[in-house]
């Protein structure tokens, strides 16, 4: 029988226990990522005077990753906010579906609108008349889009009813007043209570031909949607008055349908067709604005790819800076190897040194991006005041304020991408440090 040790265990069992106890450690070394490895890694980040250039490269790498991550987060948030704001403004005024008749005038619009409004998921259906006109005042003139709509439906529109800045919609149906956008009122130098002149190209038919229709209207209300294109181009008129003005006796141009889910148009189409009970042509918001929103999506994807290059360049800076550090610390690596440090320990020391720059830069960029996104409009106003310039012109960008909407998934993608690059960048310099021969490193010391 095999002799037992003093503790009563056989030599084989003793060796098995010792192997298990030593399993977490490297052969002849310490545990991975032990205290001395962290101590050396962080010490190499604090460069001495003669290593100042390496410290400068590390600083630029940190700033590059921080600014790259922050810029990506801010740009994605602004573009998301821009799309959401535009979508809410467009759908708040134009509706999700536009219904037009196919076989004849839409004289039964009240019954059709009532049946469509009863479809599950449809919030309301708005009959309207739409036509072009010239709006003028003693001070200026400009083309406008006139919409005839009832007072009840106008109050239900989310972008109009809650955004009246001057006047009121009370008695809108009974009077001959109109509601105009704030930018249009400013362009014409008018306000609530003043008169506006509308000129329609197709008016009364006479033996001499069709003459333009010219009529003055009192401004009953001034609204501000926040989208410059709409605030400067729309005039709302009572439905009966619009029928008389555009020669639409008992008829409407179309019916706007508002639903509770803008992304479910394919599901609503057959239900609305069935509820109309007459031949109709349906155009949803995706078809009416396809070019615009597709262009936004392409721009957003291209901006993401371009700005990712900032983070990539910063990662290459980490590689170059760490290569210089490895070359400068060749003597230290040789001494550590002769003292018993393993190749794995050397690799981990420089891996932590390089990755620390990227990880800290990533989270600093995330914090910076978060702060800017939460205060982007205030920052824009401050810079505009400081430089005396208009940084976000409503005429160019359609919105009167700079929006920002952070998406958790996109933000997480940016942070994870930066972290992955931060851990991949120092791999090659760390491997080179681990492969350094201590004899060669100390030969000329």
Protein backbone atom coordinates (compact mmCIF):
# COMPACT_ATOMS: atom_id res chain seq x y z
CA UNK A 1 0.00 0.00 0.00
CA UNK A 2 1.11 3.55 -0.70
CA UNK A 3 2.44 5.29 2.34
CA UNK A 4 0.28 8.07 3.71
CA UNK A 5 1.53 11.45 4.79
CA UNK A 6 1.27 12.71 8.33
CA UNK A 7 -2.08 14.22 7.59
CA UNK A 8 -3.40 10.86 6.41
CA UNK A 9 -3.57 11.74 2.66
CA UNK A 10 -1.71 9.83 0.00
CA UNK A 11 1.05 11.64 -1.99
CA UNK A 12 -1.13 11.56 -5.16
CA UNK A 13 -4.04 13.19 -3.35
CA UNK A 14 -1.71 15.78 -1.83
CA UNK A 15 -0.40 16.67 -5.28
CA UNK A 16 -4.01 16.91 -6.60
CA UNK A 17 -4.99 19.35 -3.85
CA UNK A 18 -1.87 21.43 -4.44
CA UNK A 19 -2.62 21.59 -8.18
CA UNK A 20 -6.18 22.74 -7.50
CA UNK A 21 -4.97 25.38 -5.05
CA UNK A 22 -2.49 26.70 -7.59
CA UNK A 23 -4.90 26.59 -10.54
CA UNK A 24 -5.86 30.31 -10.48
CA UNK A 25 -2.18 31.27 -10.58
CA UNK A 26 0.18 31.17 -13.53
CA UNK A 27 3.16 28.85 -13.41
CA UNK A 28 5.82 30.64 -11.43
CA UNK A 29 3.73 33.81 -11.19
CA UNK A 30 0.96 35.51 -9.31
CA UNK A 31 -2.76 35.60 -9.91
CA UNK A 32 -3.85 37.39 -13.12
CA UNK A 33 -4.54 41.10 -12.59
CA UNK A 34 -2.98 41.07 -9.13
CA UNK A 35 -2.26 44.22 -7.15
CA UNK A 36 1.28 44.76 -8.45
CA UNK A 37 0.10 44.54 -12.08
CA UNK A 38 -2.50 47.27 -11.45
CA UNK A 39 0.08 49.32 -9.56
CA UNK A 40 2.57 49.22 -12.45
CA UNK A 41 -0.14 49.89 -15.07
CA UNK A 42 -1.38 52.99 -13.32
CA UNK A 43 2.19 54.10 -12.63
CA UNK A 44 3.00 54.01 -16.34
CA UNK A 45 0.04 56.33 -16.97
CA UNK A 46 1.73 59.01 -14.83
CA UNK A 47 4.67 59.87 -17.07
CA UNK A 48 7.82 61.45 -15.67
CA UNK A 49 9.54 64.47 -17.20
CA UNK A 50 11.62 62.50 -19.70
CA UNK A 51 8.47 60.63 -20.84
CA UNK A 52 6.49 63.81 -21.42
CA UNK A 53 5.91 63.11 -25.12
CA UNK A 54 4.32 59.75 -24.31
CA UNK A 55 2.08 61.47 -21.80
CA UNK A 56 1.01 64.00 -24.45
CA UNK A 57 0.05 61.17 -26.84
CA UNK A 58 -1.93 59.47 -24.06
CA UNK A 59 -3.69 62.77 -23.33
CA UNK A 60 -4.62 63.26 -26.97
CA UNK A 61 -5.88 59.67 -27.14
CA UNK A 62 -8.07 60.30 -24.09
CA UNK A 63 -9.43 63.56 -25.53
CA UNK A 64 -10.01 61.94 -28.92
CA UNK A 65 -12.09 59.10 -27.50
CA UNK A 66 -13.96 61.41 -25.13
CA UNK A 67 -14.85 63.91 -27.87
CA UNK A 68 -15.61 61.15 -30.38
CA UNK A 69 -18.06 59.39 -28.04
CA UNK A 70 -19.64 62.69 -26.94
CA UNK A 71 -20.00 63.89 -30.54
CA UNK A 72 -21.59 60.63 -31.65
CA UNK A 73 -24.09 60.71 -28.78
CA UNK A 74 -24.95 64.39 -29.34
CA UNK A 75 -25.34 64.12 -33.12
CA UNK A 76 -27.47 60.96 -32.91
CA UNK A 77 -29.65 62.55 -30.21
CA UNK A 78 -30.13 65.76 -32.22
CA UNK A 79 -30.99 63.84 -35.38
CA UNK A 80 -33.44 61.64 -33.44
CA UNK A 81 -35.01 64.74 -31.91
CA UNK A 82 -35.11 66.43 -35.30
CA UNK A 83 -36.94 63.46 -36.85
CA UNK A 84 -39.36 63.10 -33.92
CA UNK A 85 -40.19 66.81 -33.88
CA UNK A 86 -40.72 66.94 -37.63
CA UNK A 87 -42.85 63.80 -37.53
CA UNK A 88 -45.00 65.16 -34.70
CA UNK A 89 -45.42 68.53 -36.44
CA UNK A 90 -46.21 67.01 -39.83
CA UNK A 91 -48.61 64.38 -38.48
CA UNK A 92 -50.11 66.82 -36.01
CA UNK A 93 -51.31 68.99 -38.88
CA UNK A 94 -51.61 66.72 -41.93
CA UNK A 95 -52.87 63.51 -40.38
CA UNK A 96 -51.79 59.93 -40.93
CA UNK A 97 -53.99 59.19 -43.95
CA UNK A 98 -55.49 61.34 -46.68
CA UNK A 99 -58.71 60.05 -48.28
CA UNK A 100 -59.82 61.34 -51.68
CA UNK A 101 -62.86 60.31 -53.77
CA UNK A 102 -62.51 58.31 -56.97
CA UNK A 103 -65.97 58.12 -58.59
CA UNK A 104 -67.32 61.62 -57.92
CA UNK A 105 -67.40 64.60 -55.56
CA UNK A 106 -67.24 63.85 -51.84
CA UNK A 107 -70.70 65.25 -51.08
CA UNK A 108 -71.45 62.62 -48.41
CA UNK A 109 -68.34 63.59 -46.45
CA UNK A 110 -70.13 63.83 -43.09
CA UNK A 111 -71.40 60.25 -43.24
CA UNK A 112 -68.07 58.92 -44.56
CA UNK A 113 -66.08 60.76 -41.88
CA UNK A 114 -68.42 59.46 -39.18
CA UNK A 115 -68.06 55.85 -40.33
CA UNK A 116 -64.25 56.11 -40.57
CA UNK A 117 -64.04 57.73 -37.11
CA UNK A 118 -65.76 54.61 -35.75
CA UNK A 119 -62.89 52.34 -36.88
CA UNK A 120 -60.96 51.00 -33.84
CA UNK A 121 -57.72 52.96 -33.49
CA UNK A 122 -58.92 56.00 -35.45
CA UNK A 123 -59.03 59.10 -33.22
CA UNK A 124 -60.95 61.35 -35.60
CA UNK A 125 -61.59 62.04 -39.30
CA UNK A 126 -61.53 65.64 -40.54
CA UNK A 127 -63.29 66.73 -43.76
CA UNK A 128 -61.52 69.70 -45.32
CA UNK A 129 -61.17 71.88 -48.38
CA UNK A 130 -57.72 72.84 -49.55
CA UNK A 131 -56.69 75.49 -52.07
CA UNK A 132 -53.95 77.97 -52.87
CA UNK A 133 -54.28 81.73 -52.55
CA UNK A 134 -52.29 84.94 -52.30
CA UNK A 135 -52.35 86.56 -48.85
CA UNK A 136 -51.64 90.28 -48.75
CA UNK A 137 -51.65 93.25 -46.42
CA UNK A 138 -50.72 96.91 -46.91
CA UNK A 139 -47.15 95.93 -46.01
CA UNK A 140 -46.39 92.64 -47.80
CA UNK A 141 -47.78 89.66 -49.71
CA UNK A 142 -47.08 85.95 -50.13
CA UNK A 143 -48.51 82.64 -51.27
CA UNK A 144 -50.46 80.57 -48.73
CA UNK A 145 -52.33 77.27 -48.48
CA UNK A 146 -55.93 77.81 -47.37
CA UNK A 147 -57.73 75.02 -45.56
CA UNK A 148 -61.44 75.02 -44.87
CA UNK A 149 -62.25 73.18 -41.64
CA UNK A 150 -64.93 73.22 -38.95
CA UNK A 151 -64.27 74.78 -35.54
CA UNK A 152 -64.70 71.44 -33.76
CA UNK A 153 -62.15 69.71 -35.96
CA UNK A 154 -59.73 72.64 -35.76
CA UNK A 155 -59.79 72.47 -31.96
CA UNK A 156 -59.09 68.73 -32.10
CA UNK A 157 -55.93 69.16 -34.16
CA UNK A 158 -53.12 68.70 -31.59
CA UNK A 159 -50.83 71.22 -33.27
CA UNK A 160 -53.43 74.01 -33.56
CA UNK A 161 -55.93 73.89 -30.70
CA UNK A 162 -53.29 74.10 -27.96
CA UNK A 163 -51.00 76.60 -29.73
CA UNK A 164 -53.14 79.72 -30.16
CA UNK A 165 -50.91 82.73 -29.43
CA UNK A 166 -53.32 85.59 -30.23
CA UNK A 167 -57.11 85.83 -30.47
CA UNK A 168 -59.47 82.88 -30.00
CA UNK A 169 -61.29 80.15 -31.93
CA UNK A 170 -64.60 80.90 -30.21
CA UNK A 171 -67.30 81.40 -32.81
CA UNK A 172 -64.95 80.38 -35.62
CA UNK A 173 -67.74 78.66 -37.61
CA UNK A 174 -70.23 81.52 -37.32
CA UNK A 175 -67.91 84.38 -38.28
CA UNK A 176 -65.90 85.20 -41.36
CA UNK A 177 -62.59 85.20 -39.53
CA UNK A 178 -59.53 83.08 -40.32
CA UNK A 179 -56.65 81.62 -38.29
CA UNK A 180 -53.11 82.22 -39.58
CA UNK A 181 -49.59 81.19 -38.51
CA UNK A 182 -47.40 83.47 -36.43
CA UNK A 183 -44.61 83.72 -39.02
CA UNK A 184 -47.15 84.67 -41.67
CA UNK A 185 -48.57 87.33 -39.34
CA UNK A 186 -45.06 88.67 -38.78
CA UNK A 187 -44.28 88.71 -42.51
CA UNK A 188 -47.50 90.63 -43.24
CA UNK A 189 -47.13 92.83 -40.11
CA UNK A 190 -50.57 91.76 -38.86
CA UNK A 191 -52.06 90.57 -35.57
CA UNK A 192 -55.36 89.23 -34.30
CA UNK A 193 -58.19 91.64 -35.11
CA UNK A 194 -56.57 93.01 -38.29
CA UNK A 195 -57.78 92.23 -41.81
CA UNK A 196 -56.03 90.04 -44.36
CA UNK A 197 -56.80 89.95 -48.09
CA UNK A 198 -56.98 86.57 -49.84
CA UNK A 199 -56.84 86.30 -53.62
CA UNK A 200 -57.83 82.97 -55.22
CA UNK A 201 -56.98 82.46 -58.91
CA UNK A 202 -60.22 80.60 -59.67
CA UNK A 203 -63.19 82.74 -58.72
CA UNK A 204 -66.46 83.59 -60.38
CA UNK A 205 -67.10 82.49 -63.96
CA UNK A 206 -68.18 85.41 -66.20
CA UNK A 207 -68.72 85.82 -69.98
CA UNK A 208 -65.19 87.21 -70.03
CA UNK A 209 -63.79 84.08 -68.36
CA UNK A 210 -62.85 83.10 -64.82
CA UNK A 211 -61.92 86.06 -62.65
CA UNK A 212 -59.84 85.92 -59.46
CA UNK A 213 -61.77 86.03 -56.21
CA UNK A 214 -60.61 88.75 -53.79
CA UNK A 215 -61.98 88.99 -50.25
CA UNK A 216 -60.95 90.53 -46.94
CA UNK A 217 -61.11 88.43 -43.75
CA UNK A 218 -60.68 89.34 -40.14
CA UNK A 219 -57.87 87.50 -38.34
CA UNK A 220 -59.65 85.63 -35.55
CA UNK A 221 -56.60 83.76 -34.19
CA UNK A 222 -52.84 83.46 -34.64
CA UNK A 223 -51.27 80.04 -33.98
CA UNK A 224 -47.64 78.91 -33.65
CA UNK A 225 -46.90 75.25 -34.40
CA UNK A 226 -43.12 75.68 -34.11
CA UNK A 227 -42.43 74.52 -37.67
CA UNK A 228 -41.58 77.56 -39.79
CA UNK A 229 -42.87 76.09 -43.06
CA UNK A 230 -46.34 75.64 -41.56
CA UNK A 231 -46.40 78.83 -39.47
CA UNK A 232 -45.70 80.88 -42.60
CA UNK A 233 -47.90 79.09 -45.13
CA UNK A 234 -51.21 77.93 -43.60
CA UNK A 235 -54.50 79.84 -43.32
CA UNK A 236 -57.50 78.09 -41.75
CA UNK A 237 -60.98 79.19 -42.84
CA UNK A 238 -64.46 78.07 -41.67
CA UNK A 239 -65.62 75.12 -43.80
CA UNK A 240 -68.84 76.76 -45.15
CA UNK A 241 -66.89 79.90 -46.07
CA UNK A 242 -64.19 77.83 -47.81
CA UNK A 243 -66.85 75.97 -49.81
CA UNK A 244 -68.17 79.29 -51.08
CA UNK A 245 -64.71 80.77 -51.62
CA UNK A 246 -63.40 77.81 -53.68
CA UNK A 247 -66.71 77.04 -55.47
CA UNK A 248 -67.21 73.75 -53.59
CA UNK A 249 -70.93 73.79 -52.93
CA UNK A 250 -71.68 70.89 -50.54
CA UNK A 251 -68.36 69.24 -51.35
CA UNK A 252 -64.93 68.80 -49.73
CA UNK A 253 -61.52 68.10 -51.18
CA UNK A 254 -60.48 65.25 -48.87
CA UNK A 255 -60.77 63.68 -45.42
CA UNK A 256 -57.76 63.61 -43.09
CA UNK A 257 -57.63 60.58 -40.78
CA UNK A 258 -55.75 60.66 -37.45
CA UNK A 259 -54.91 57.35 -35.77
CA UNK A 260 -53.33 56.32 -32.48
CA UNK A 261 -50.41 54.49 -34.16
CA UNK A 262 -48.54 56.10 -37.04
CA UNK A 263 -46.60 52.89 -37.73
CA UNK A 264 -49.70 50.73 -38.31
CA UNK A 265 -50.87 52.20 -41.62
CA UNK A 266 -50.91 48.82 -43.37
CA UNK A 267 -53.34 47.49 -40.76
CA UNK A 268 -55.62 50.55 -40.97
CA UNK A 269 -55.89 50.63 -44.78
CA UNK A 270 -58.39 47.74 -45.28
CA UNK A 271 -60.46 48.86 -42.27
CA UNK A 272 -60.76 52.42 -43.59
CA UNK A 273 -61.57 51.17 -47.09
CA UNK A 274 -64.37 49.02 -45.71
CA UNK A 275 -65.73 51.81 -43.49
CA UNK A 276 -65.85 54.36 -46.34
CA UNK A 277 -68.38 52.23 -48.29
CA UNK A 278 -67.44 53.98 -51.53
CA UNK A 279 -64.44 54.01 -53.91
CA UNK A 280 -61.66 56.05 -52.33
CA UNK A 281 -57.94 56.64 -52.82
CA UNK A 282 -55.76 56.52 -49.68
CA UNK A 283 -52.33 58.13 -49.31
CA UNK A 284 -50.60 57.68 -45.94
CA UNK A 285 -47.94 59.88 -44.37
CA UNK A 286 -45.11 57.56 -45.45
CA UNK A 287 -45.96 58.07 -49.13
CA UNK A 288 -46.51 61.81 -48.78
CA UNK A 289 -43.17 62.35 -47.03
CA UNK A 290 -41.13 59.38 -48.28
CA UNK A 291 -38.34 61.41 -49.90
CA UNK A 292 -37.94 63.68 -46.90
CA UNK A 293 -37.71 60.97 -44.23
CA UNK A 294 -35.56 58.67 -46.40
CA UNK A 295 -33.10 61.52 -46.84
CA UNK A 296 -33.04 62.01 -43.06
CA UNK A 297 -32.32 58.31 -42.51
CA UNK A 298 -29.48 58.26 -45.05
CA UNK A 299 -27.96 61.40 -43.52
CA UNK A 300 -28.19 59.89 -40.06
CA UNK A 301 -26.42 56.66 -41.09
CA UNK A 302 -23.66 58.53 -42.95
CA UNK A 303 -23.07 60.86 -39.99
CA UNK A 304 -22.72 57.84 -37.68
CA UNK A 305 -20.09 56.26 -39.94
CA UNK A 306 -18.14 59.51 -40.36
CA UNK A 307 -18.09 60.35 -36.65
CA UNK A 308 -17.07 56.79 -35.77
CA UNK A 309 -13.76 57.59 -37.49
CA UNK A 310 -12.99 60.05 -34.67
CA UNK A 311 -13.09 57.19 -32.13
CA UNK A 312 -11.08 54.98 -34.51
CA UNK A 313 -8.34 57.60 -34.88
CA UNK A 314 -8.18 57.96 -31.10
CA UNK A 315 -7.79 54.18 -30.80
CA UNK A 316 -4.84 54.30 -33.23
CA UNK A 317 -3.32 56.98 -31.02
CA UNK A 318 -3.49 54.52 -28.13
CA UNK A 319 -1.62 51.95 -30.26
CA UNK A 320 1.15 54.39 -31.22
CA UNK A 321 1.48 55.78 -27.69
CA UNK A 322 1.64 52.30 -26.14
CA UNK A 323 4.23 51.16 -28.71
CA UNK A 324 6.44 54.08 -27.68
CA UNK A 325 5.88 53.27 -24.02
CA UNK A 326 6.87 49.62 -24.56
CA UNK A 327 10.04 50.70 -26.35
CA UNK A 328 10.87 53.17 -23.59
CA UNK A 329 10.20 50.61 -20.83
CA UNK A 330 12.29 47.82 -22.36
CA UNK A 331 14.75 47.94 -19.42
CA UNK A 332 11.89 47.75 -16.90
CA UNK A 333 10.37 44.78 -18.75
CA UNK A 334 13.72 42.96 -18.73
CA UNK A 335 14.14 43.52 -14.96
CA UNK A 336 10.56 42.35 -14.27
CA UNK A 337 11.15 39.19 -16.32
CA UNK A 338 14.39 38.38 -14.47
CA UNK A 339 12.59 38.88 -11.16
CA UNK A 340 10.01 36.24 -12.15
CA UNK A 341 7.24 38.13 -13.92
CA UNK A 342 5.59 35.98 -16.57
CA UNK A 343 4.87 37.00 -20.14
CA UNK A 344 1.17 37.02 -19.29
CA UNK A 345 1.78 39.46 -16.43
CA UNK A 346 3.77 41.82 -18.70
CA UNK A 347 1.02 41.68 -21.33
CA UNK A 348 -1.67 42.43 -18.75
CA UNK A 349 0.28 45.39 -17.34
CA UNK A 350 0.41 47.16 -20.71
CA UNK A 351 -3.08 46.01 -21.65
CA UNK A 352 -4.50 47.71 -18.57
CA UNK A 353 -2.39 50.81 -19.25
CA UNK A 354 -3.78 51.21 -22.78
CA UNK A 355 -7.34 50.13 -22.00
CA UNK A 356 -7.58 52.53 -19.05
CA UNK A 357 -7.18 55.49 -21.41
CA UNK A 358 -10.00 54.27 -23.63
CA UNK A 359 -12.37 53.22 -20.84
CA UNK A 360 -12.01 56.47 -18.89
CA UNK A 361 -12.30 58.47 -22.14
CA UNK A 362 -15.45 56.56 -23.12
CA UNK A 363 -17.26 57.22 -19.87
CA UNK A 364 -16.09 60.83 -19.80
CA UNK A 365 -17.48 61.22 -23.33
CA UNK A 366 -20.77 59.62 -22.26
CA UNK A 367 -21.13 62.08 -19.38
CA UNK A 368 -20.22 65.03 -21.61
CA UNK A 369 -22.69 63.92 -24.29
CA UNK A 370 -25.45 63.45 -21.70
CA UNK A 371 -24.93 66.92 -20.23
CA UNK A 372 -24.92 68.58 -23.67
CA UNK A 373 -28.03 66.70 -24.82
CA UNK A 374 -29.97 67.73 -21.72
CA UNK A 375 -29.03 71.41 -22.23
CA UNK A 376 -28.61 71.63 -26.01
CA UNK A 377 -31.15 74.43 -26.55
CA UNK A 378 -29.68 76.56 -23.76
CA UNK A 379 -26.18 76.00 -25.17
CA UNK A 380 -27.38 77.01 -28.65
CA UNK A 381 -28.96 80.20 -27.32
CA UNK A 382 -25.79 81.06 -25.37
CA UNK A 383 -23.52 80.54 -28.40
CA UNK A 384 -25.92 82.53 -30.60
CA UNK A 385 -25.84 85.36 -28.07
CA UNK A 386 -22.06 85.15 -27.74
CA UNK A 387 -21.38 85.19 -31.49
CA UNK A 388 -24.38 87.36 -32.46
CA UNK A 389 -25.35 84.82 -35.13
CA UNK A 390 -28.33 82.55 -35.83
CA UNK A 391 -26.98 78.99 -35.36
CA UNK A 392 -30.27 77.20 -36.04
CA UNK A 393 -32.27 79.18 -38.56
CA UNK A 394 -35.97 78.18 -38.57
CA UNK A 395 -36.16 78.95 -42.29
CA UNK A 396 -33.53 76.29 -43.04
CA UNK A 397 -34.36 73.63 -40.45
CA UNK A 398 -38.17 74.11 -40.23
CA UNK A 399 -38.09 74.08 -36.40
CA UNK A 400 -37.88 77.04 -34.04
CA UNK A 401 -35.78 75.19 -31.43
CA UNK A 402 -32.96 72.64 -31.47
CA UNK A 403 -34.34 69.26 -30.33
CA UNK A 404 -32.40 66.37 -28.78
CA UNK A 405 -33.75 62.93 -27.96
CA UNK A 406 -31.35 60.31 -26.62
CA UNK A 407 -32.08 56.71 -27.63
CA UNK A 408 -30.93 54.15 -25.04
CA UNK A 409 -30.08 51.52 -27.66
CA UNK A 410 -28.05 53.89 -29.83
CA UNK A 411 -26.22 55.36 -26.85
CA UNK A 412 -25.37 51.88 -25.57
CA UNK A 413 -24.11 50.93 -29.06
CA UNK A 414 -21.78 53.94 -29.13
CA UNK A 415 -20.42 53.21 -25.64
CA UNK A 416 -19.94 49.48 -26.33
CA UNK A 417 -18.23 50.20 -29.66
CA UNK A 418 -15.81 52.62 -27.97
CA UNK A 419 -15.10 50.13 -25.17
CA UNK A 420 -14.41 47.31 -27.66
CA UNK A 421 -11.97 49.53 -29.59
CA UNK A 422 -10.36 50.55 -26.28
CA UNK A 423 -9.65 46.90 -25.43
CA UNK A 424 -8.58 45.91 -28.95
CA UNK A 425 -6.18 48.82 -29.48
CA UNK A 426 -3.59 47.86 -26.80
CA UNK A 427 -3.52 44.14 -27.69
CA UNK A 428 -0.67 44.30 -30.21
CA UNK A 429 1.64 46.60 -28.17
CA UNK A 430 0.99 44.46 -25.08
CA UNK A 431 1.81 41.29 -27.02
CA UNK A 432 5.07 42.90 -28.22
CA UNK A 433 5.95 43.78 -24.63
CA UNK A 434 5.30 40.20 -23.51
CA UNK A 435 7.49 38.79 -26.32
CA UNK A 436 10.46 41.02 -25.41
CA UNK A 437 13.57 38.97 -24.58
CA UNK A 438 14.97 40.11 -21.17
CA UNK A 439 18.53 39.33 -22.34
CA UNK A 440 18.17 41.67 -25.33
CA UNK A 441 16.45 44.31 -23.18
CA UNK A 442 19.33 44.37 -20.63
CA UNK A 443 22.29 43.75 -22.97
CA UNK A 444 23.38 47.39 -23.19
CA UNK A 445 22.33 48.45 -19.68
